[in-house]
Protein backbone atom coordinates (compact mmCIF):
# COMPACT_ATOMS: atom_id res chain seq x y z
CA UNK A 1 -185.93 55.95 186.46
CA UNK A 2 -183.11 55.14 184.31
CA UNK A 3 -182.23 52.00 186.09
CA UNK A 4 -185.63 50.62 185.80
CA UNK A 5 -185.90 50.99 182.34
CA UNK A 6 -182.00 49.06 181.61
CA UNK A 7 -182.82 46.34 183.82
CA UNK A 8 -185.67 44.94 181.52
CA UNK A 9 -183.45 45.44 178.80
CA UNK A 10 -180.56 43.55 180.52
CA UNK A 11 -182.85 40.54 180.99
CA UNK A 12 -183.71 40.72 177.85
CA UNK A 13 -180.17 40.09 176.61
CA UNK A 14 -179.45 37.78 179.22
CA UNK A 15 -182.57 35.78 178.06
CA UNK A 16 -181.53 35.59 174.59
CA UNK A 17 -178.32 34.39 175.56
CA UNK A 18 -179.75 31.71 177.76
CA UNK A 19 -181.38 30.47 174.79
CA UNK A 20 -178.40 28.78 173.59
CA UNK A 21 -177.49 27.02 177.09
CA UNK A 22 -175.12 27.56 179.95
CA UNK A 23 -172.79 30.38 179.49
CA UNK A 24 -169.03 29.57 180.05
CA UNK A 25 -167.89 31.85 182.90
CA UNK A 26 -165.39 34.56 182.17
CA UNK A 27 -166.37 34.43 178.28
CA UNK A 28 -170.20 34.95 177.81
CA UNK A 29 -170.15 32.24 175.33
CA UNK A 30 -172.77 29.54 175.32
CA UNK A 31 -171.39 25.74 176.20
CA UNK A 32 -172.26 23.20 173.90
CA UNK A 33 -174.66 20.59 174.86
CA UNK A 34 -173.10 17.06 174.57
CA UNK A 35 -174.42 14.92 171.41
CA UNK A 36 -177.35 12.58 172.51
CA UNK A 37 -176.47 10.01 169.37
CA UNK A 38 -174.26 7.38 170.40
CA UNK A 39 -173.44 6.14 166.77
CA UNK A 40 -169.65 6.78 166.07
CA UNK A 41 -169.14 8.80 163.36
CA UNK A 42 -167.93 7.08 159.74
CA UNK A 43 -165.44 9.14 157.78
CA UNK A 44 -166.73 8.25 153.47
CA UNK A 45 -163.55 7.26 151.69
CA UNK A 46 -162.73 9.80 148.87
CA UNK A 47 -164.34 9.45 145.67
CA UNK A 48 -161.06 9.77 144.04
CA UNK A 49 -159.20 7.05 145.65
CA UNK A 50 -162.02 4.58 144.78
CA UNK A 51 -161.79 5.38 140.87
CA UNK A 52 -158.13 4.98 140.76
CA UNK A 53 -158.39 1.55 142.71
CA UNK A 54 -160.95 0.56 139.90
CA UNK A 55 -158.76 1.99 137.16
CA UNK A 56 -155.84 0.09 138.28
CA UNK A 57 -157.61 -3.34 139.16
CA UNK A 58 -158.73 -3.28 135.56
CA UNK A 59 -155.52 -2.48 133.97
CA UNK A 60 -153.63 -5.27 135.93
CA UNK A 61 -156.37 -7.53 134.83
CA UNK A 62 -156.55 -6.81 131.42
CA UNK A 63 -152.76 -6.78 131.09
CA UNK A 64 -152.86 -10.47 132.57
CA UNK A 65 -155.27 -11.81 130.02
CA UNK A 66 -153.14 -10.43 127.16
CA UNK A 67 -150.26 -12.16 128.68
CA UNK A 68 -152.33 -15.59 128.68
CA UNK A 69 -153.45 -15.00 125.09
CA UNK A 70 -150.05 -14.24 123.81
CA UNK A 71 -148.61 -17.76 125.58
CA UNK A 72 -151.51 -19.45 124.13
CA UNK A 73 -150.91 -18.31 120.44
CA UNK A 74 -147.48 -19.33 120.72
CA UNK A 75 -148.31 -22.75 122.45
CA UNK A 76 -150.67 -23.39 119.75
CA UNK A 77 -148.08 -21.75 117.22
CA UNK A 78 -145.51 -24.82 118.44
CA UNK A 79 -148.04 -27.27 118.51
CA UNK A 80 -148.93 -26.87 114.75
CA UNK A 81 -145.05 -26.67 113.79
CA UNK A 82 -144.54 -29.98 115.61
CA UNK A 83 -147.75 -31.59 113.77
CA UNK A 84 -146.43 -30.35 110.55
CA UNK A 85 -143.02 -32.14 111.27
CA UNK A 86 -144.64 -35.02 112.65
CA UNK A 87 -146.93 -35.39 109.29
CA UNK A 88 -143.86 -34.53 107.02
CA UNK A 89 -141.72 -36.86 108.65
CA UNK A 90 -144.20 -39.92 108.76
CA UNK A 91 -145.02 -39.29 104.93
CA UNK A 92 -141.14 -39.53 104.10
CA UNK A 93 -141.14 -42.46 106.33
CA UNK A 94 -144.08 -44.11 104.54
CA UNK A 95 -142.43 -43.15 101.22
CA UNK A 96 -138.98 -44.80 102.00
CA UNK A 97 -140.94 -48.09 103.32
CA UNK A 98 -143.14 -48.41 100.26
CA UNK A 99 -139.50 -47.94 98.32
CA UNK A 100 -137.79 -50.35 99.96
CA UNK A 101 -140.85 -52.73 99.71
CA UNK A 102 -140.57 -52.64 96.19
CA UNK A 103 -137.01 -52.92 96.15
CA UNK A 104 -137.42 -55.84 98.42
CA UNK A 105 -139.84 -57.51 95.75
CA UNK A 106 -137.83 -56.57 93.04
CA UNK A 107 -134.50 -58.05 94.54
CA UNK A 108 -136.72 -61.16 95.36
CA UNK A 109 -138.06 -61.63 91.88
CA UNK A 110 -134.46 -61.45 90.55
CA UNK A 111 -132.66 -63.74 93.24
CA UNK A 112 -135.36 -65.98 92.48
CA UNK A 113 -134.81 -65.87 88.71
CA UNK A 114 -131.01 -66.13 89.60
CA UNK A 115 -131.62 -69.10 91.57
CA UNK A 116 -133.47 -70.85 88.80
CA UNK A 117 -131.00 -69.99 86.58
CA UNK A 118 -128.44 -71.42 88.66
CA UNK A 119 -130.45 -74.59 88.97
CA UNK A 120 -130.78 -74.78 85.63
CA UNK A 121 -126.94 -74.45 85.12
CA UNK A 122 -125.94 -77.02 87.52
CA UNK A 123 -128.01 -79.43 85.86
CA UNK A 124 -126.90 -78.72 82.38
CA UNK A 125 -123.16 -79.21 84.23
CA UNK A 126 -123.92 -82.39 85.60
CA UNK A 127 -125.49 -83.69 82.38
CA UNK A 128 -122.11 -82.73 80.80
CA UNK A 129 -120.16 -84.27 83.50
CA UNK A 130 -122.41 -87.18 82.82
CA UNK A 131 -121.83 -87.34 79.38
CA UNK A 132 -118.37 -86.78 79.37
CA UNK A 133 -117.67 -89.58 81.76
CA UNK A 134 -119.97 -91.97 79.74
CA UNK A 135 -117.82 -91.19 77.08
CA UNK A 136 -114.53 -91.51 79.04
CA UNK A 137 -115.83 -94.85 80.12
CA UNK A 138 -116.36 -96.14 76.80
CA UNK A 139 -112.97 -95.12 75.90
CA UNK A 140 -111.00 -95.80 79.09
CA UNK A 141 -112.57 -99.13 80.94
CA UNK A 142 -113.15 -98.71 84.85
CA UNK A 143 -112.34 -94.93 84.65
CA UNK A 144 -113.39 -93.41 88.27
CA UNK A 145 -113.94 -89.94 89.47
CA UNK A 146 -111.21 -88.76 91.65
CA UNK A 147 -112.22 -87.65 95.15
CA UNK A 148 -109.52 -87.04 97.98
CA UNK A 149 -109.69 -87.45 101.81
CA UNK A 150 -112.25 -90.24 101.25
CA UNK A 151 -111.86 -94.00 100.91
CA UNK A 152 -112.92 -95.50 97.35
CA UNK A 153 -114.32 -99.17 97.50
CA UNK A 154 -113.02 -101.16 94.18
CA UNK A 155 -112.80 -104.95 95.30
CA UNK A 156 -111.25 -105.61 92.08
CA UNK A 157 -109.51 -108.72 91.86
CA UNK A 158 -106.88 -108.25 94.92
CA UNK A 159 -107.25 -104.82 95.16
CA UNK A 160 -109.93 -103.85 97.93
CA UNK A 161 -109.40 -99.78 98.13
CA UNK A 162 -107.40 -96.83 97.77
CA UNK A 163 -107.34 -92.90 99.29
CA UNK A 164 -105.94 -90.11 97.88
CA UNK A 165 -104.66 -86.90 99.65
CA UNK A 166 -103.27 -83.93 97.83
CA UNK A 167 -100.29 -82.45 99.25
CA UNK A 168 -97.90 -79.53 98.84
CA UNK A 169 -98.91 -76.06 97.18
CA UNK A 170 -98.87 -74.79 93.28
CA UNK A 171 -96.30 -76.22 91.41
CA UNK A 172 -94.88 -78.27 93.81
CA UNK A 173 -98.72 -80.10 94.65
CA UNK A 174 -98.44 -83.98 94.64
CA UNK A 175 -101.35 -86.21 95.14
CA UNK A 176 -100.09 -89.15 98.05
CA UNK A 177 -102.24 -92.37 98.04
CA UNK A 178 -102.68 -95.26 100.46
CA UNK A 179 -104.13 -98.76 98.52
CA UNK A 180 -105.16 -102.18 100.60
CA UNK A 181 -104.40 -105.45 98.84
CA UNK A 182 -105.66 -108.48 99.79
CA UNK A 183 -105.22 -112.18 98.90
CA UNK A 184 -107.86 -114.50 99.39
CA UNK A 185 -106.48 -117.34 97.25
CA UNK A 186 -104.84 -120.61 98.35
CA UNK A 187 -101.68 -119.47 96.40
CA UNK A 188 -98.98 -116.78 96.58
CA UNK A 189 -99.57 -114.09 93.96
CA UNK A 190 -97.50 -111.10 92.56
CA UNK A 191 -100.27 -108.56 90.90
CA UNK A 192 -99.11 -105.91 88.91
CA UNK A 193 -101.02 -102.72 90.15
CA UNK A 194 -100.82 -99.47 88.52
CA UNK A 195 -102.50 -96.42 89.46
CA UNK A 196 -103.23 -93.90 86.56
CA UNK A 197 -104.73 -90.04 86.61
CA UNK A 198 -106.40 -88.39 84.25
CA UNK A 199 -107.76 -84.93 83.66
CA UNK A 200 -111.38 -83.73 82.76
CA UNK A 201 -110.88 -84.13 79.06
CA UNK A 202 -109.43 -87.76 79.82
CA UNK A 203 -105.60 -86.76 79.10
CA UNK A 204 -103.37 -88.51 81.57
CA UNK A 205 -101.48 -86.45 84.09
CA UNK A 206 -99.69 -89.14 86.15
CA UNK A 207 -98.92 -92.49 87.30
CA UNK A 208 -97.47 -95.05 89.90
CA UNK A 209 -96.86 -98.57 90.20
CA UNK A 210 -97.08 -100.61 93.20
CA UNK A 211 -94.45 -102.53 94.84
CA UNK A 212 -93.25 -103.79 98.16
CA UNK A 213 -91.02 -100.92 98.97
CA UNK A 214 -94.12 -98.94 99.43
CA UNK A 215 -95.52 -101.27 101.68
CA UNK A 216 -96.46 -99.71 105.22
CA UNK A 217 -94.98 -102.94 106.97
CA UNK A 218 -91.69 -103.78 105.81
CA UNK A 219 -91.77 -107.30 103.76
CA UNK A 220 -89.27 -109.55 102.32
CA UNK A 221 -91.20 -111.30 99.56
CA UNK A 222 -92.92 -109.38 96.91
CA UNK A 223 -95.91 -112.03 96.73
CA UNK A 224 -99.08 -111.82 98.48
CA UNK A 225 -98.79 -114.97 100.67
CA UNK A 226 -102.48 -116.73 100.83
CA UNK A 227 -104.86 -114.33 103.50
CA UNK A 228 -102.50 -111.75 103.62
CA UNK A 229 -103.61 -108.05 103.45
CA UNK A 230 -101.15 -105.44 102.59
CA UNK A 231 -101.19 -101.53 102.54
CA UNK A 232 -99.30 -99.74 99.92
CA UNK A 233 -98.76 -96.15 100.87
CA UNK A 234 -96.89 -93.64 98.12
CA UNK A 235 -96.50 -90.79 95.86
CA UNK A 236 -97.86 -90.27 92.44
CA UNK A 237 -95.57 -88.46 89.86
CA UNK A 238 -97.53 -85.74 87.80
CA UNK A 239 -96.61 -85.61 84.41
CA UNK A 240 -98.91 -82.50 83.83
CA UNK A 241 -99.76 -79.37 86.06
CA UNK A 242 -103.51 -79.86 84.82
CA UNK A 243 -105.71 -80.61 87.80
CA UNK A 244 -106.29 -84.45 88.01
CA UNK A 245 -110.46 -85.48 87.96
CA UNK A 246 -110.24 -89.10 87.23
CA UNK A 247 -108.22 -92.37 87.86
CA UNK A 248 -108.12 -96.13 86.75
CA UNK A 249 -106.84 -98.99 88.52
CA UNK A 250 -105.27 -101.44 86.49
CA UNK A 251 -104.69 -104.73 88.15
CA UNK A 252 -103.18 -107.37 86.37
């Protein structure tokens, strides 16, 4: 009679245990049924890790922006300093150019004035020389300005031309001459030719007389034969060391 009572109770426990599914043999525990959901399970990232990444990214971006701003400020400062330097240099250059231009105009004006004064002085000197020559011509007939290394044509009677050359230096300086005489008459002639030098005041500085010993080509007779041309060469003895400015050829 006791067996009949316990059996229903065991059945009742067995039924309650079977509700959870098959029982694993030897343990009395219910076996878990496999999941019917085919999707794989996803693990959510930790919230703390995402926040840290955001803070790190924001901090790096902010630091890079500040660095760029610093570079731009530095570049702007350098460009501004360069611009100021160029402006100052350009102003100084412009000032110097204007100053030089003003000086150049001033110098040009002064040079023009000096040239004008020099031209007037030359005119006065030329006029004084002409006046002096006129006075000397009145006092010394036939006076001529002495030039060197150039042939001077006179054509006075038998005298054709003469050339003067300065030689020596200092106190030993002398004046040499080369003169040409020609006889176009039918008779032999013996001209007496004197060469006289004068300074700018008309004072005599030296003199020489032609003779047959001064002929370039040796001759036996002193007379000039009809149609003969002779060249005389010699040195004038200077009586004074003042510069000779004029000469006279006296043919008799």
